[in-house]
């Protein structure tokens, strides 16, 4: 089975840019996603 390859750095940059383009704070994204902490969003933005 072949799985898609994700470019984590590019994905993180895209998340960060979309967030900024829409004037959203990291906490706004975390709350929308149902997270109690912003840690996951920060990790995504760093490509981790």
PDB file of N, CA and C in Angstrom:
ATOM      1  N   UNK A   1       0.846  -1.177   0.000  1.00  0.00           N
ATOM      2  CA  UNK A   1       0.000   0.000   0.000  1.00  0.00           C
ATOM      3  C   UNK A   1       0.894   1.242   0.000  1.00  0.00           C
ATOM      4  N   UNK A   2       0.586   2.189  -0.852  1.00  0.00           N
ATOM      5  CA  UNK A   2       1.347   3.434  -0.923  1.00  0.00           C
ATOM      6  C   UNK A   2       0.627   4.535  -0.158  1.00  0.00           C
ATOM      7  N   UNK A   3       1.378   5.220   0.668  1.00  0.00           N
ATOM      8  CA  UNK A   3       0.836   6.330   1.445  1.00  0.00           C
ATOM      9  C   UNK A   3       1.367   7.639   0.886  1.00  0.00           C
ATOM     10  N   UNK A   4       0.584   8.694   0.948  1.00  0.00           N
ATOM     11  CA  UNK A   4       1.073   9.987   0.456  1.00  0.00           C
ATOM     12  C   UNK A   4       2.210  10.500   1.338  1.00  0.00           C
ATOM     13  N   UNK A   5       3.136  11.181   0.704  1.00  0.00           N
ATOM     14  CA  UNK A   5       4.256  11.774   1.424  1.00  0.00           C
ATOM     15  C   UNK A   5       3.888  13.218   1.742  1.00  0.00           C
ATOM     16  N   UNK A   6       4.013  13.586   3.013  1.00  0.00           N
ATOM     17  CA  UNK A   6       3.685  14.942   3.434  1.00  0.00           C
ATOM     18  C   UNK A   6       4.964  15.733   3.663  1.00  0.00           C
ATOM     19  N   UNK A   7       4.998  16.913   3.145  1.00  0.00           N
ATOM     20  CA  UNK A   7       6.100  17.835   3.408  1.00  0.00           C
ATOM     21  C   UNK A   7       5.700  18.639   4.638  1.00  0.00           C
ATOM     22  N   UNK A   8       6.172  18.207   5.806  1.00  0.00           N
ATOM     23  CA  UNK A   8       5.741  18.822   7.059  1.00  0.00           C
ATOM     24  C   UNK A   8       6.139  20.284   7.155  1.00  0.00           C
ATOM     25  N   UNK A   9       7.306  20.628   6.627  1.00  0.00           N
ATOM     26  CA  UNK A   9       7.742  22.023   6.682  1.00  0.00           C
ATOM     27  C   UNK A   9       6.823  22.900   5.833  1.00  0.00           C
ATOM     28  N   UNK A  10       6.539  22.468   4.619  1.00  0.00           N
ATOM     29  CA  UNK A  10       5.668  23.241   3.730  1.00  0.00           C
ATOM     30  C   UNK A  10       4.248  23.325   4.290  1.00  0.00           C
ATOM     31  N   UNK A  11       3.771  22.234   4.868  1.00  0.00           N
ATOM     32  CA  UNK A  11       2.440  22.233   5.468  1.00  0.00           C
ATOM     33  C   UNK A  11       2.377  23.222   6.623  1.00  0.00           C
ATOM     34  N   UNK A  12       3.410  23.218   7.456  1.00  0.00           N
ATOM     35  CA  UNK A  12       3.467  24.151   8.577  1.00  0.00           C
ATOM     36  C   UNK A  12       3.494  25.597   8.126  1.00  0.00           C
ATOM     37  N   UNK A  13       4.276  25.866   7.082  1.00  0.00           N
ATOM     38  CA  UNK A  13       4.335  27.229   6.545  1.00  0.00           C
ATOM     39  C   UNK A  13       2.976  27.652   6.002  1.00  0.00           C
ATOM     40  N   UNK A  14       2.284  26.721   5.377  1.00  0.00           N
ATOM     41  CA  UNK A  14       0.962  27.018   4.812  1.00  0.00           C
ATOM     42  C   UNK A  14      -0.055  27.296   5.921  1.00  0.00           C
ATOM     43  N   UNK A  15      -0.033  26.490   6.972  1.00  0.00           N
ATOM     44  CA  UNK A  15      -0.937  26.718   8.106  1.00  0.00           C
ATOM     45  C   UNK A  15      -0.682  28.093   8.701  1.00  0.00           C
ATOM     46  N   UNK A  16       0.586  28.416   8.899  1.00  0.00           N
ATOM     47  CA  UNK A  16       0.954  29.710   9.474  1.00  0.00           C
ATOM     48  C   UNK A  16       0.478  30.858   8.584  1.00  0.00           C
ATOM     49  N   UNK A  17       0.682  30.730   7.277  1.00  0.00           N
ATOM     50  CA  UNK A  17       0.283  31.798   6.360  1.00  0.00           C
ATOM     51  C   UNK A  17      -1.233  31.962   6.319  1.00  0.00           C
ATOM     52  N   UNK A  18      -1.955  30.861   6.267  1.00  0.00           N
ATOM     53  CA  UNK A  18      -3.423  30.936   6.263  1.00  0.00           C
ATOM     54  C   UNK A  18      -3.945  31.573   7.542  1.00  0.00           C
ATOM     55  N   UNK A  19      -3.328  31.214   8.662  1.00  0.00           N
ATOM     56  CA  UNK A  19      -3.735  31.788   9.942  1.00  0.00           C
ATOM     57  C   UNK A  19      -3.533  33.295   9.936  1.00  0.00           C
ATOM     58  N   UNK A  20      -2.369  33.733   9.472  1.00  0.00           N
ATOM     59  CA  UNK A  20      -2.072  35.168   9.442  1.00  0.00           C
ATOM     60  C   UNK A  20      -2.957  35.905   8.440  1.00  0.00           C
ATOM     61  N   UNK A  21      -3.185  35.299   7.275  1.00  0.00           N
ATOM     62  CA  UNK A  21      -4.029  35.926   6.254  1.00  0.00           C
ATOM     63  C   UNK A  21      -5.452  36.156   6.757  1.00  0.00           C
ATOM     64  N   UNK A  22      -5.890  35.308   7.669  1.00  0.00           N
ATOM     65  CA  UNK A  22      -7.249  35.405   8.203  1.00  0.00           C
ATOM     66  C   UNK A  22      -7.301  36.067   9.575  1.00  0.00           C
ATOM     67  N   UNK A  23      -6.184  36.708   9.938  1.00  0.00           N
ATOM     68  CA  UNK A  23      -6.097  37.434  11.216  1.00  0.00           C
ATOM     69  C   UNK A  23      -6.509  36.575  12.409  1.00  0.00           C
ATOM     70  N   UNK A  24      -6.037  35.336  12.414  1.00  0.00           N
ATOM     71  CA  UNK A  24      -6.332  34.427  13.512  1.00  0.00           C
ATOM     72  C   UNK A  24      -5.111  34.266  14.403  1.00  0.00           C
ATOM     73  N   UNK A  25      -5.367  34.165  15.687  1.00  0.00           N
ATOM     74  CA  UNK A  25      -4.297  33.860  16.633  1.00  0.00           C
ATOM     75  C   UNK A  25      -4.188  32.342  16.746  1.00  0.00           C
ATOM     76  N   UNK A  26      -3.061  31.884  17.242  1.00  0.00           N
ATOM     77  CA  UNK A  26      -2.875  30.448  17.426  1.00  0.00           C
ATOM     78  C   UNK A  26      -3.961  29.888  18.338  1.00  0.00           C
ATOM     79  N   UNK A  27      -4.308  30.621  19.369  1.00  0.00           N
ATOM     80  CA  UNK A  27      -5.355  30.166  20.292  1.00  0.00           C
ATOM     81  C   UNK A  27      -6.701  30.029  19.574  1.00  0.00           C
ATOM     82  N   UNK A  28      -6.963  30.885  18.584  1.00  0.00           N
ATOM     83  CA  UNK A  28      -8.209  30.785  17.813  1.00  0.00           C
ATOM     84  C   UNK A  28      -8.262  29.465  17.049  1.00  0.00           C
ATOM     85  N   UNK A  29      -7.153  29.104  16.421  1.00  0.00           N
ATOM     86  CA  UNK A  29      -7.089  27.848  15.664  1.00  0.00           C
ATOM     87  C   UNK A  29      -7.237  26.659  16.615  1.00  0.00           C
ATOM     88  N   UNK A  30      -6.530  26.704  17.725  1.00  0.00           N
ATOM     89  CA  UNK A  30      -6.597  25.609  18.698  1.00  0.00           C
ATOM     90  C   UNK A  30      -8.021  25.426  19.218  1.00  0.00           C
ATOM     91  N   UNK A  31      -8.678  26.515  19.554  1.00  0.00           N
ATOM     92  CA  UNK A  31     -10.052  26.423  20.060  1.00  0.00           C
ATOM     93  C   UNK A  31     -11.000  25.887  18.989  1.00  0.00           C
ATOM     94  N   UNK A  32     -10.825  26.339  17.746  1.00  0.00           N
ATOM     95  CA  UNK A  32     -11.670  25.862  16.652  1.00  0.00           C
ATOM     96  C   UNK A  32     -11.517  24.348  16.474  1.00  0.00           C
ATOM     97  N   UNK A  33     -10.282  23.864  16.634  1.00  0.00           N
ATOM     98  CA  UNK A  33     -10.001  22.440  16.467  1.00  0.00           C
ATOM     99  C   UNK A  33     -10.380  21.625  17.705  1.00  0.00           C
ATOM    100  N   UNK A  34     -10.751  22.309  18.781  1.00  0.00           N
ATOM    101  CA  UNK A  34     -11.164  21.613  19.990  1.00  0.00           C
ATOM    102  C   UNK A  34     -10.029  21.250  20.924  1.00  0.00           C
ATOM    103  N   UNK A  35      -8.871  21.892  20.757  1.00  0.00           N
ATOM    104  CA  UNK A  35      -7.718  21.618  21.612  1.00  0.00           C
ATOM    105  C   UNK A  35      -7.747  22.523  22.828  1.00  0.00           C
ATOM    106  N   UNK A  36      -7.286  22.008  23.944  1.00  0.00           N
ATOM    107  CA  UNK A  36      -7.211  22.811  25.162  1.00  0.00           C
ATOM    108  C   UNK A  36      -5.922  23.610  25.223  1.00  0.00           C
ATOM    109  N   UNK A  37      -4.962  23.246  24.386  1.00  0.00           N
ATOM    110  CA  UNK A  37      -3.647  23.881  24.397  1.00  0.00           C
ATOM    111  C   UNK A  37      -3.275  24.299  22.974  1.00  0.00           C
ATOM    112  N   UNK A  38      -2.381  25.270  22.869  1.00  0.00           N
ATOM    113  CA  UNK A  38      -1.907  25.722  21.555  1.00  0.00           C
ATOM    114  C   UNK A  38      -0.702  24.925  21.075  1.00  0.00           C
ATOM    115  N   UNK A  39      -0.206  24.021  21.900  1.00  0.00           N
ATOM    116  CA  UNK A  39       1.027  23.303  21.602  1.00  0.00           C
ATOM    117  C   UNK A  39       0.983  22.590  20.245  1.00  0.00           C
ATOM    118  N   UNK A  40      -0.104  21.924  19.922  1.00  0.00           N
ATOM    119  CA  UNK A  40      -0.204  21.196  18.657  1.00  0.00           C
ATOM    120  C   UNK A  40      -0.112  22.144  17.471  1.00  0.00           C
ATOM    121  N   UNK A  41      -0.763  23.292  17.554  1.00  0.00           N
ATOM    122  CA  UNK A  41      -0.735  24.260  16.451  1.00  0.00           C
ATOM    123  C   UNK A  41       0.684  24.782  16.252  1.00  0.00           C
ATOM    124  N   UNK A  42       1.366  25.109  17.339  1.00  0.00           N
ATOM    125  CA  UNK A  42       2.752  25.571  17.231  1.00  0.00           C
ATOM    126  C   UNK A  42       3.640  24.495  16.609  1.00  0.00           C
ATOM    127  N   UNK A  43       3.431  23.238  16.971  1.00  0.00           N
ATOM    128  CA  UNK A  43       4.217  22.141  16.396  1.00  0.00           C
ATOM    129  C   UNK A  43       3.950  22.019  14.899  1.00  0.00           C
ATOM    130  N   UNK A  44       2.681  22.113  14.507  1.00  0.00           N
ATOM    131  CA  UNK A  44       2.357  22.043  13.082  1.00  0.00           C
ATOM    132  C   UNK A  44       3.068  23.144  12.324  1.00  0.00           C
ATOM    133  N   UNK A  45       3.027  24.351  12.862  1.00  0.00           N
ATOM    134  CA  UNK A  45       3.641  25.493  12.180  1.00  0.00           C
ATOM    135  C   UNK A  45       5.153  25.323  12.048  1.00  0.00           C
ATOM    136  N   UNK A  46       5.764  24.606  12.976  1.00  0.00           N
ATOM    137  CA  UNK A  46       7.206  24.357  12.916  1.00  0.00           C
ATOM    138  C   UNK A  46       7.530  23.146  12.048  1.00  0.00           C
ATOM    139  N   UNK A  47       6.510  22.420  11.617  1.00  0.00           N
ATOM    140  CA  UNK A  47       6.737  21.238  10.793  1.00  0.00           C
ATOM    141  C   UNK A  47       7.152  20.025  11.594  1.00  0.00           C
ATOM    142  N   UNK A  48       6.742  20.001  12.848  1.00  0.00           N
ATOM    143  CA  UNK A  48       7.105  18.879  13.733  1.00  0.00           C
ATOM    144  C   UNK A  48       5.985  17.870  13.740  1.00  0.00           C
TER     145      UNK A  48
END
